[in-house]
mmCIF file of all heavy atoms, coordinates in Angstrom:
data_MODEL
# 
_entry.id   MODEL 
# 
loop_
_atom_site.group_PDB 
_atom_site.id 
_atom_site.type_symbol 
_atom_site.label_atom_id 
_atom_site.label_alt_id 
_atom_site.label_comp_id 
_atom_site.label_asym_id 
_atom_site.label_entity_id 
_atom_site.label_seq_id 
_atom_site.pdbx_PDB_ins_code 
_atom_site.Cartn_x 
_atom_site.Cartn_y 
_atom_site.Cartn_z 
_atom_site.occupancy 
_atom_site.B_iso_or_equiv 
_atom_site.pdbx_formal_charge 
_atom_site.auth_seq_id 
_atom_site.auth_comp_id 
_atom_site.auth_asym_id 
_atom_site.auth_atom_id 
_atom_site.pdbx_PDB_model_num 
ATOM 1   N N   . LEU A 1 1  ? 94.777  108.552 125.616 1.00 0.00 ? 1  LEU A N   1 
ATOM 2   C CA  . LEU A 1 1  ? 95.949  109.254 125.095 1.00 0.00 ? 1  LEU A CA  1 
ATOM 3   C C   . LEU A 1 1  ? 96.763  108.327 124.201 1.00 0.00 ? 1  LEU A C   1 
ATOM 4   O O   . LEU A 1 1  ? 97.229  108.727 123.146 1.00 0.00 ? 1  LEU A O   1 
ATOM 5   C CB  . LEU A 1 1  ? 96.801  109.807 126.237 1.00 0.00 ? 1  LEU A CB  1 
ATOM 6   C CG  . LEU A 1 1  ? 98.031  110.614 125.851 1.00 0.00 ? 1  LEU A CG  1 
ATOM 7   C CD1 . LEU A 1 1  ? 97.667  111.775 124.919 1.00 0.00 ? 1  LEU A CD1 1 
ATOM 8   C CD2 . LEU A 1 1  ? 98.720  111.141 127.101 1.00 0.00 ? 1  LEU A CD2 1 
ATOM 9   N N   . ARG A 1 2  ? 96.929  107.102 124.616 1.00 0.00 ? 2  ARG A N   1 
ATOM 10  C CA  . ARG A 1 2  ? 97.646  106.120 123.792 1.00 0.00 ? 2  ARG A CA  1 
ATOM 11  C C   . ARG A 1 2  ? 96.937  105.945 122.453 1.00 0.00 ? 2  ARG A C   1 
ATOM 12  O O   . ARG A 1 2  ? 97.584  105.908 121.402 1.00 0.00 ? 2  ARG A O   1 
ATOM 13  C CB  . ARG A 1 2  ? 97.745  104.782 124.511 1.00 0.00 ? 2  ARG A CB  1 
ATOM 14  C CG  . ARG A 1 2  ? 98.436  103.717 123.653 1.00 0.00 ? 2  ARG A CG  1 
ATOM 15  C CD  . ARG A 1 2  ? 98.495  102.418 124.369 1.00 0.00 ? 2  ARG A CD  1 
ATOM 16  N NE  . ARG A 1 2  ? 99.608  102.511 125.303 1.00 0.00 ? 2  ARG A NE  1 
ATOM 17  C CZ  . ARG A 1 2  ? 100.200 101.477 125.831 1.00 0.00 ? 2  ARG A CZ  1 
ATOM 18  N NH1 . ARG A 1 2  ? 99.796  100.269 125.544 1.00 0.00 ? 2  ARG A NH1 1 
ATOM 19  N NH2 . ARG A 1 2  ? 101.210 101.643 126.653 1.00 0.00 ? 2  ARG A NH2 1 
ATOM 20  N N   . ALA A 1 3  ? 95.615  105.856 122.498 1.00 0.00 ? 3  ALA A N   1 
ATOM 21  C CA  . ALA A 1 3  ? 94.839  105.705 121.264 1.00 0.00 ? 3  ALA A CA  1 
ATOM 22  C C   . ALA A 1 3  ? 95.029  106.920 120.350 1.00 0.00 ? 3  ALA A C   1 
ATOM 23  O O   . ALA A 1 3  ? 95.168  106.771 119.131 1.00 0.00 ? 3  ALA A O   1 
ATOM 24  C CB  . ALA A 1 3  ? 93.361  105.504 121.586 1.00 0.00 ? 3  ALA A CB  1 
ATOM 25  N N   . ALA A 1 4  ? 95.057  108.112 120.926 1.00 0.00 ? 4  ALA A N   1 
ATOM 26  C CA  . ALA A 1 4  ? 95.247  109.333 120.127 1.00 0.00 ? 4  ALA A CA  1 
ATOM 27  C C   . ALA A 1 4  ? 96.642  109.351 119.502 1.00 0.00 ? 4  ALA A C   1 
ATOM 28  O O   . ALA A 1 4  ? 96.809  109.728 118.336 1.00 0.00 ? 4  ALA A O   1 
ATOM 29  C CB  . ALA A 1 4  ? 95.037  110.578 120.978 1.00 0.00 ? 4  ALA A CB  1 
ATOM 30  N N   . LEU A 1 5  ? 97.656  108.937 120.260 1.00 0.00 ? 5  LEU A N   1 
ATOM 31  C CA  . LEU A 1 5  ? 99.026  108.894 119.731 1.00 0.00 ? 5  LEU A CA  1 
ATOM 32  C C   . LEU A 1 5  ? 99.150  107.845 118.622 1.00 0.00 ? 5  LEU A C   1 
ATOM 33  O O   . LEU A 1 5  ? 99.788  108.091 117.596 1.00 0.00 ? 5  LEU A O   1 
ATOM 34  C CB  . LEU A 1 5  ? 100.029 108.613 120.850 1.00 0.00 ? 5  LEU A CB  1 
ATOM 35  C CG  . LEU A 1 5  ? 100.244 109.771 121.821 1.00 0.00 ? 5  LEU A CG  1 
ATOM 36  C CD1 . LEU A 1 5  ? 100.938 109.291 123.088 1.00 0.00 ? 5  LEU A CD1 1 
ATOM 37  C CD2 . LEU A 1 5  ? 101.040 110.885 121.163 1.00 0.00 ? 5  LEU A CD2 1 
ATOM 38  N N   . ASN A 1 6  ? 98.532  106.692 118.831 1.00 0.00 ? 6  ASN A N   1 
ATOM 39  C CA  . ASN A 1 6  ? 98.552  105.671 117.779 1.00 0.00 ? 6  ASN A CA  1 
ATOM 40  C C   . ASN A 1 6  ? 97.770  106.139 116.554 1.00 0.00 ? 6  ASN A C   1 
ATOM 41  O O   . ASN A 1 6  ? 98.151  105.846 115.419 1.00 0.00 ? 6  ASN A O   1 
ATOM 42  C CB  . ASN A 1 6  ? 98.007  104.343 118.300 1.00 0.00 ? 6  ASN A CB  1 
ATOM 43  C CG  . ASN A 1 6  ? 99.008  103.621 119.183 1.00 0.00 ? 6  ASN A CG  1 
ATOM 44  O OD1 . ASN A 1 6  ? 100.213 103.701 118.973 1.00 0.00 ? 6  ASN A OD1 1 
ATOM 45  N ND2 . ASN A 1 6  ? 98.508  102.923 120.188 1.00 0.00 ? 6  ASN A ND2 1 
ATOM 46  N N   . GLY A 1 7  ? 96.711  106.906 116.795 1.00 0.00 ? 7  GLY A N   1 
ATOM 47  C CA  . GLY A 1 7  ? 95.923  107.444 115.680 1.00 0.00 ? 7  GLY A CA  1 
ATOM 48  C C   . GLY A 1 7  ? 96.724  108.424 114.839 1.00 0.00 ? 7  GLY A C   1 
ATOM 49  O O   . GLY A 1 7  ? 96.713  108.349 113.607 1.00 0.00 ? 7  GLY A O   1 
ATOM 50  N N   . ILE A 1 8  ? 97.441  109.334 115.485 1.00 0.00 ? 8  ILE A N   1 
ATOM 51  C CA  . ILE A 1 8  ? 98.230  110.303 114.713 1.00 0.00 ? 8  ILE A CA  1 
ATOM 52  C C   . ILE A 1 8  ? 99.418  109.608 114.049 1.00 0.00 ? 8  ILE A C   1 
ATOM 53  O O   . ILE A 1 8  ? 99.853  110.004 112.971 1.00 0.00 ? 8  ILE A O   1 
ATOM 54  C CB  . ILE A 1 8  ? 98.658  111.528 115.549 1.00 0.00 ? 8  ILE A CB  1 
ATOM 55  C CG1 . ILE A 1 8  ? 99.099  112.662 114.607 1.00 0.00 ? 8  ILE A CG1 1 
ATOM 56  C CG2 . ILE A 1 8  ? 99.735  111.181 116.542 1.00 0.00 ? 8  ILE A CG2 1 
ATOM 57  C CD1 . ILE A 1 8  ? 99.287  113.997 115.287 1.00 0.00 ? 8  ILE A CD1 1 
ATOM 58  N N   . SER A 1 9  ? 99.894  108.535 114.660 1.00 0.00 ? 9  SER A N   1 
ATOM 59  C CA  . SER A 1 9  ? 100.958 107.751 114.037 1.00 0.00 ? 9  SER A CA  1 
ATOM 60  C C   . SER A 1 9  ? 100.474 107.177 112.703 1.00 0.00 ? 9  SER A C   1 
ATOM 61  O O   . SER A 1 9  ? 101.144 107.297 111.677 1.00 0.00 ? 9  SER A O   1 
ATOM 62  C CB  . SER A 1 9  ? 101.384 106.610 114.975 1.00 0.00 ? 9  SER A CB  1 
ATOM 63  O OG  . SER A 1 9  ? 102.226 105.712 114.304 1.00 0.00 ? 9  SER A OG  1 
ATOM 64  N N   . LYS A 1 10 ? 99.301  106.586 112.726 1.00 0.00 ? 10 LYS A N   1 
ATOM 65  C CA  . LYS A 1 10 ? 98.733  106.020 111.495 1.00 0.00 ? 10 LYS A CA  1 
ATOM 66  C C   . LYS A 1 10 ? 98.413  107.123 110.488 1.00 0.00 ? 10 LYS A C   1 
ATOM 67  O O   . LYS A 1 10 ? 98.596  106.951 109.283 1.00 0.00 ? 10 LYS A O   1 
ATOM 68  C CB  . LYS A 1 10 ? 97.473  105.222 111.818 1.00 0.00 ? 10 LYS A CB  1 
ATOM 69  C CG  . LYS A 1 10 ? 97.775  103.939 112.546 1.00 0.00 ? 10 LYS A CG  1 
ATOM 70  C CD  . LYS A 1 10 ? 96.510  103.222 112.952 1.00 0.00 ? 10 LYS A CD  1 
ATOM 71  C CE  . LYS A 1 10 ? 96.905  101.996 113.763 1.00 0.00 ? 10 LYS A CE  1 
ATOM 72  N NZ  . LYS A 1 10 ? 95.807  101.491 114.553 1.00 0.00 ? 10 LYS A NZ  1 
ATOM 73  N N   . GLU A 1 11 ? 97.936  108.250 111.005 1.00 0.00 ? 11 GLU A N   1 
ATOM 74  C CA  . GLU A 1 11 ? 97.567  109.356 110.125 1.00 0.00 ? 11 GLU A CA  1 
ATOM 75  C C   . GLU A 1 11 ? 98.802  109.932 109.411 1.00 0.00 ? 11 GLU A C   1 
ATOM 76  O O   . GLU A 1 11 ? 98.750  110.208 108.217 1.00 0.00 ? 11 GLU A O   1 
ATOM 77  C CB  . GLU A 1 11 ? 96.865  110.438 110.939 1.00 0.00 ? 11 GLU A CB  1 
ATOM 78  C CG  . GLU A 1 11 ? 96.085  111.394 110.090 1.00 0.00 ? 11 GLU A CG  1 
ATOM 79  C CD  . GLU A 1 11 ? 95.124  112.218 110.928 1.00 0.00 ? 11 GLU A CD  1 
ATOM 80  O OE1 . GLU A 1 11 ? 95.584  112.929 111.847 1.00 0.00 ? 11 GLU A OE1 1 
ATOM 81  O OE2 . GLU A 1 11 ? 93.921  112.177 110.640 1.00 0.00 ? 11 GLU A OE2 1 
ATOM 82  N N   . THR A 1 12 ? 99.907  110.122 110.129 1.00 0.00 ? 12 THR A N   1 
ATOM 83  C CA  . THR A 1 12 ? 101.098 110.664 109.473 1.00 0.00 ? 12 THR A CA  1 
ATOM 84  C C   . THR A 1 12 ? 101.623 109.695 108.412 1.00 0.00 ? 12 THR A C   1 
ATOM 85  O O   . THR A 1 12 ? 102.090 110.115 107.363 1.00 0.00 ? 12 THR A O   1 
ATOM 86  C CB  . THR A 1 12 ? 102.212 111.015 110.483 1.00 0.00 ? 12 THR A CB  1 
ATOM 87  O OG1 . THR A 1 12 ? 102.527 109.882 111.278 1.00 0.00 ? 12 THR A OG1 1 
ATOM 88  C CG2 . THR A 1 12 ? 101.813 112.196 111.362 1.00 0.00 ? 12 THR A CG2 1 
ATOM 89  N N   . HIS A 1 13 ? 101.511 108.391 108.691 1.00 0.00 ? 13 HIS A N   1 
ATOM 90  C CA  . HIS A 1 13 ? 101.911 107.392 107.694 1.00 0.00 ? 13 HIS A CA  1 
ATOM 91  C C   . HIS A 1 13 ? 101.009 107.499 106.457 1.00 0.00 ? 13 HIS A C   1 
ATOM 92  O O   . HIS A 1 13 ? 101.493 107.511 105.318 1.00 0.00 ? 13 HIS A O   1 
ATOM 93  C CB  . HIS A 1 13 ? 101.842 105.983 108.287 1.00 0.00 ? 13 HIS A CB  1 
ATOM 94  C CG  . HIS A 1 13 ? 102.101 104.908 107.295 1.00 0.00 ? 13 HIS A CG  1 
ATOM 95  N ND1 . HIS A 1 13 ? 103.369 104.635 106.823 1.00 0.00 ? 13 HIS A ND1 1 
ATOM 96  C CD2 . HIS A 1 13 ? 101.271 104.049 106.656 1.00 0.00 ? 13 HIS A CD2 1 
ATOM 97  C CE1 . HIS A 1 13 ? 103.302 103.655 105.937 1.00 0.00 ? 13 HIS A CE1 1 
ATOM 98  N NE2 . HIS A 1 13 ? 102.041 103.289 105.826 1.00 0.00 ? 13 HIS A NE2 1 
ATOM 99  N N   . TYR A 1 14 ? 99.714  107.600 106.694 1.00 0.00 ? 14 TYR A N   1 
ATOM 100 C CA  . TYR A 1 14 ? 98.765  107.740 105.600 1.00 0.00 ? 14 TYR A CA  1 
ATOM 101 C C   . TYR A 1 14 ? 99.030  109.015 104.805 1.00 0.00 ? 14 TYR A C   1 
ATOM 102 O O   . TYR A 1 14 ? 98.994  109.003 103.566 1.00 0.00 ? 14 TYR A O   1 
ATOM 103 C CB  . TYR A 1 14 ? 97.327  107.735 106.140 1.00 0.00 ? 14 TYR A CB  1 
ATOM 104 C CG  . TYR A 1 14 ? 96.309  108.064 105.084 1.00 0.00 ? 14 TYR A CG  1 
ATOM 105 C CD1 . TYR A 1 14 ? 95.930  107.116 104.140 1.00 0.00 ? 14 TYR A CD1 1 
ATOM 106 C CD2 . TYR A 1 14 ? 95.747  109.341 105.008 1.00 0.00 ? 14 TYR A CD2 1 
ATOM 107 C CE1 . TYR A 1 14 ? 95.006  107.419 103.158 1.00 0.00 ? 14 TYR A CE1 1 
ATOM 108 C CE2 . TYR A 1 14 ? 94.824  109.656 104.025 1.00 0.00 ? 14 TYR A CE2 1 
ATOM 109 C CZ  . TYR A 1 14 ? 94.458  108.684 103.104 1.00 0.00 ? 14 TYR A CZ  1 
ATOM 110 O OH  . TYR A 1 14 ? 93.551  109.004 102.117 1.00 0.00 ? 14 TYR A OH  1 
ATOM 111 N N   . PHE A 1 15 ? 99.296  110.118 105.501 1.00 0.00 ? 15 PHE A N   1 
ATOM 112 C CA  . PHE A 1 15 ? 99.564  111.386 104.824 1.00 0.00 ? 15 PHE A CA  1 
ATOM 113 C C   . PHE A 1 15 ? 100.802 111.286 103.934 1.00 0.00 ? 15 PHE A C   1 
ATOM 114 O O   . PHE A 1 15 ? 100.818 111.802 102.819 1.00 0.00 ? 15 PHE A O   1 
ATOM 115 C CB  . PHE A 1 15 ? 99.732  112.524 105.825 1.00 0.00 ? 15 PHE A CB  1 
ATOM 116 C CG  . PHE A 1 15 ? 98.462  112.964 106.485 1.00 0.00 ? 15 PHE A CG  1 
ATOM 117 C CD1 . PHE A 1 15 ? 98.491  113.818 107.567 1.00 0.00 ? 15 PHE A CD1 1 
ATOM 118 C CD2 . PHE A 1 15 ? 97.211  112.530 106.048 1.00 0.00 ? 15 PHE A CD2 1 
ATOM 119 C CE1 . PHE A 1 15 ? 97.329  114.249 108.189 1.00 0.00 ? 15 PHE A CE1 1 
ATOM 120 C CE2 . PHE A 1 15 ? 96.039  112.940 106.656 1.00 0.00 ? 15 PHE A CE2 1 
ATOM 121 C CZ  . PHE A 1 15 ? 96.099  113.795 107.733 1.00 0.00 ? 15 PHE A CZ  1 
ATOM 122 N N   . ALA A 1 16 ? 101.843 110.620 104.434 1.00 0.00 ? 16 ALA A N   1 
ATOM 123 C CA  . ALA A 1 16 ? 103.063 110.453 103.631 1.00 0.00 ? 16 ALA A CA  1 
ATOM 124 C C   . ALA A 1 16 ? 102.749 109.648 102.368 1.00 0.00 ? 16 ALA A C   1 
ATOM 125 O O   . ALA A 1 16 ? 103.177 110.016 101.272 1.00 0.00 ? 16 ALA A O   1 
ATOM 126 C CB  . ALA A 1 16 ? 104.151 109.768 104.452 1.00 0.00 ? 16 ALA A CB  1 
ATOM 127 N N   . GLU A 1 17 ? 102.003 108.569 102.527 1.00 0.00 ? 17 GLU A N   1 
ATOM 128 C CA  . GLU A 1 17 ? 101.655 107.740 101.368 1.00 0.00 ? 17 GLU A CA  1 
ATOM 129 C C   . GLU A 1 17 ? 100.774 108.498 100.381 1.00 0.00 ? 17 GLU A C   1 
ATOM 130 O O   . GLU A 1 17 ? 100.951 108.400 99.171  1.00 0.00 ? 17 GLU A O   1 
ATOM 131 C CB  . GLU A 1 17 ? 100.964 106.448 101.825 1.00 0.00 ? 17 GLU A CB  1 
ATOM 132 C CG  . GLU A 1 17 ? 101.891 105.490 102.539 1.00 0.00 ? 17 GLU A CG  1 
ATOM 133 C CD  . GLU A 1 17 ? 103.088 105.080 101.698 1.00 0.00 ? 17 GLU A CD  1 
ATOM 134 O OE1 . GLU A 1 17 ? 102.908 104.725 100.506 1.00 0.00 ? 17 GLU A OE1 1 
ATOM 135 O OE2 . GLU A 1 17 ? 104.217 105.135 102.229 1.00 0.00 ? 17 GLU A OE2 1 
ATOM 136 N N   . GLU A 1 18 ? 99.836  109.283 100.907 1.00 0.00 ? 18 GLU A N   1 
ATOM 137 C CA  . GLU A 1 18 ? 98.947  110.069 100.056 1.00 0.00 ? 18 GLU A CA  1 
ATOM 138 C C   . GLU A 1 18 ? 99.735  111.091 99.232  1.00 0.00 ? 18 GLU A C   1 
ATOM 139 O O   . GLU A 1 18 ? 99.520  111.227 98.023  1.00 0.00 ? 18 GLU A O   1 
ATOM 140 C CB  . GLU A 1 18 ? 97.907  110.767 100.930 1.00 0.00 ? 18 GLU A CB  1 
ATOM 141 C CG  . GLU A 1 18 ? 96.868  111.558 100.165 1.00 0.00 ? 18 GLU A CG  1 
ATOM 142 C CD  . GLU A 1 18 ? 95.845  112.204 101.079 1.00 0.00 ? 18 GLU A CD  1 
ATOM 143 O OE1 . GLU A 1 18 ? 96.226  112.687 102.178 1.00 0.00 ? 18 GLU A OE1 1 
ATOM 144 O OE2 . GLU A 1 18 ? 94.666  112.236 100.695 1.00 0.00 ? 18 GLU A OE2 1 
ATOM 145 N N   . LEU A 1 19 ? 100.653 111.800 99.876  1.00 0.00 ? 19 LEU A N   1 
ATOM 146 C CA  . LEU A 1 19 ? 101.478 112.779 99.154  1.00 0.00 ? 19 LEU A CA  1 
ATOM 147 C C   . LEU A 1 19 ? 102.384 112.090 98.137  1.00 0.00 ? 19 LEU A C   1 
ATOM 148 O O   . LEU A 1 19 ? 102.539 112.566 97.007  1.00 0.00 ? 19 LEU A O   1 
ATOM 149 C CB  . LEU A 1 19 ? 102.323 113.596 100.133 1.00 0.00 ? 19 LEU A CB  1 
ATOM 150 C CG  . LEU A 1 19 ? 101.584 114.665 100.919 1.00 0.00 ? 19 LEU A CG  1 
ATOM 151 C CD1 . LEU A 1 19 ? 102.516 115.297 101.952 1.00 0.00 ? 19 LEU A CD1 1 
ATOM 152 C CD2 . LEU A 1 19 ? 101.025 115.735 99.994  1.00 0.00 ? 19 LEU A CD2 1 
ATOM 153 N N   . LYS A 1 20 ? 102.971 110.981 98.534  1.00 0.00 ? 20 LYS A N   1 
ATOM 154 C CA  . LYS A 1 20 ? 103.863 110.241 97.636  1.00 0.00 ? 20 LYS A CA  1 
ATOM 155 C C   . LYS A 1 20 ? 103.100 109.781 96.385  1.00 0.00 ? 20 LYS A C   1 
ATOM 156 O O   . LYS A 1 20 ? 103.578 109.944 95.261  1.00 0.00 ? 20 LYS A O   1 
ATOM 157 C CB  . LYS A 1 20 ? 104.464 109.049 98.363  1.00 0.00 ? 20 LYS A CB  1 
ATOM 158 C CG  . LYS A 1 20 ? 105.487 108.297 97.584  1.00 0.00 ? 20 LYS A CG  1 
ATOM 159 C CD  . LYS A 1 20 ? 106.106 107.195 98.418  1.00 0.00 ? 20 LYS A CD  1 
ATOM 160 C CE  . LYS A 1 20 ? 107.099 106.409 97.607  1.00 0.00 ? 20 LYS A CE  1 
ATOM 161 N NZ  . LYS A 1 20 ? 107.693 105.316 98.375  1.00 0.00 ? 20 LYS A NZ  1 
ATOM 162 N N   . GLN A 1 21 ? 101.901 109.232 96.594  1.00 0.00 ? 21 GLN A N   1 
ATOM 163 C CA  . GLN A 1 21 ? 101.087 108.791 95.454  1.00 0.00 ? 21 GLN A CA  1 
ATOM 164 C C   . GLN A 1 21 ? 100.703 109.955 94.559  1.00 0.00 ? 21 GLN A C   1 
ATOM 165 O O   . GLN A 1 21 ? 100.714 109.843 93.335  1.00 0.00 ? 21 GLN A O   1 
ATOM 166 C CB  . GLN A 1 21 ? 99.834  108.068 95.944  1.00 0.00 ? 21 GLN A CB  1 
ATOM 167 C CG  . GLN A 1 21 ? 100.120 106.699 96.506  1.00 0.00 ? 21 GLN A CG  1 
ATOM 168 C CD  . GLN A 1 21 ? 98.875  106.043 97.071  1.00 0.00 ? 21 GLN A CD  1 
ATOM 169 O OE1 . GLN A 1 21 ? 97.764  106.584 96.992  1.00 0.00 ? 21 GLN A OE1 1 
ATOM 170 N NE2 . GLN A 1 21 ? 99.045  104.884 97.663  1.00 0.00 ? 21 GLN A NE2 1 
ATOM 171 N N   . GLN A 1 22 ? 100.356 111.085 95.166  1.00 0.00 ? 22 GLN A N   1 
ATOM 172 C CA  . GLN A 1 22 ? 99.974  112.259 94.384  1.00 0.00 ? 22 GLN A CA  1 
ATOM 173 C C   . GLN A 1 22 ? 101.160 112.759 93.553  1.00 0.00 ? 22 GLN A C   1 
ATOM 174 O O   . GLN A 1 22 ? 101.008 113.101 92.386  1.00 0.00 ? 22 GLN A O   1 
ATOM 175 C CB  . GLN A 1 22 ? 99.457  113.371 95.312  1.00 0.00 ? 22 GLN A CB  1 
ATOM 176 C CG  . GLN A 1 22 ? 98.895  114.569 94.606  1.00 0.00 ? 22 GLN A CG  1 
ATOM 177 C CD  . GLN A 1 22 ? 97.586  114.283 93.885  1.00 0.00 ? 22 GLN A CD  1 
ATOM 178 O OE1 . GLN A 1 22 ? 96.891  113.336 94.168  1.00 0.00 ? 22 GLN A OE1 1 
ATOM 179 N NE2 . GLN A 1 22 ? 97.259  115.122 92.930  1.00 0.00 ? 22 GLN A NE2 1 
ATOM 180 N N   . LEU A 1 23 ? 102.339 112.788 94.152  1.00 0.00 ? 23 LEU A N   1 
ATOM 181 C CA  . LEU A 1 23 ? 103.529 113.227 93.425  1.00 0.00 ? 23 LEU A CA  1 
ATOM 182 C C   . LEU A 1 23 ? 103.866 112.252 92.295  1.00 0.00 ? 23 LEU A C   1 
ATOM 183 O O   . LEU A 1 23 ? 104.247 112.672 91.197  1.00 0.00 ? 23 LEU A O   1 
ATOM 184 C CB  . LEU A 1 23 ? 104.714 113.388 94.382  1.00 0.00 ? 23 LEU A CB  1 
ATOM 185 C CG  . LEU A 1 23 ? 104.628 114.592 95.317  1.00 0.00 ? 23 LEU A CG  1 
ATOM 186 C CD1 . LEU A 1 23 ? 105.680 114.493 96.420  1.00 0.00 ? 23 LEU A CD1 1 
ATOM 187 C CD2 . LEU A 1 23 ? 104.773 115.895 94.557  1.00 0.00 ? 23 LEU A CD2 1 
ATOM 188 N N   . CYS A 1 24 ? 103.720 110.962 92.541  1.00 0.00 ? 24 CYS A N   1 
ATOM 189 C CA  . CYS A 1 24 ? 103.958 109.960 91.485  1.00 0.00 ? 24 CYS A CA  1 
ATOM 190 C C   . CYS A 1 24 ? 102.953 110.143 90.347  1.00 0.00 ? 24 CYS A C   1 
ATOM 191 O O   . CYS A 1 24 ? 103.317 110.089 89.173  1.00 0.00 ? 24 CYS A O   1 
ATOM 192 C CB  . CYS A 1 24 ? 103.848 108.556 92.047  1.00 0.00 ? 24 CYS A CB  1 
ATOM 193 S SG  . CYS A 1 24 ? 105.281 108.026 92.992  1.00 0.00 ? 24 CYS A SG  1 
ATOM 194 N N   . LYS A 1 25 ? 101.702 110.367 90.702  1.00 0.00 ? 25 LYS A N   1 
ATOM 195 C CA  . LYS A 1 25 ? 100.639 110.581 89.712  1.00 0.00 ? 25 LYS A CA  1 
ATOM 196 C C   . LYS A 1 25 ? 100.950 111.790 88.829  1.00 0.00 ? 25 LYS A C   1 
ATOM 197 O O   . LYS A 1 25 ? 100.650 111.799 87.640  1.00 0.00 ? 25 LYS A O   1 
ATOM 198 C CB  . LYS A 1 25 ? 99.315  110.767 90.449  1.00 0.00 ? 25 LYS A CB  1 
ATOM 199 C CG  . LYS A 1 25 ? 98.115  110.952 89.583  1.00 0.00 ? 25 LYS A CG  1 
ATOM 200 C CD  . LYS A 1 25 ? 96.882  111.083 90.462  1.00 0.00 ? 25 LYS A CD  1 
ATOM 201 C CE  . LYS A 1 25 ? 95.756  111.706 89.700  1.00 0.00 ? 25 LYS A CE  1 
ATOM 202 N NZ  . LYS A 1 25 ? 94.584  111.941 90.563  1.00 0.00 ? 25 LYS A NZ  1 
ATOM 203 N N   . LEU A 1 26 ? 101.570 112.811 89.434  1.00 0.00 ? 26 LEU A N   1 
ATOM 204 C CA  . LEU A 1 26 ? 101.920 114.017 88.678  1.00 0.00 ? 26 LEU A CA  1 
ATOM 205 C C   . LEU A 1 26 ? 103.232 113.854 87.906  1.00 0.00 ? 26 LEU A C   1 
ATOM 206 O O   . LEU A 1 26 ? 103.648 114.759 87.195  1.00 0.00 ? 26 LEU A O   1 
ATOM 207 C CB  . LEU A 1 26 ? 102.015 115.216 89.629  1.00 0.00 ? 26 LEU A CB  1 
ATOM 208 C CG  . LEU A 1 26 ? 100.705 115.626 90.292  1.00 0.00 ? 26 LEU A CG  1 
ATOM 209 C CD1 . LEU A 1 26 ? 100.949 116.665 91.376  1.00 0.00 ? 26 LEU A CD1 1 
ATOM 210 C CD2 . LEU A 1 26 ? 99.714  116.146 89.256  1.00 0.00 ? 26 LEU A CD2 1 
# 
């Protein structure tokens, strides 16, 4: 469970960066 929570933590950070980069690119 800890691993899953840490995984979604990293994923939400990655998603924010991905969206931010896409918006900057546009």
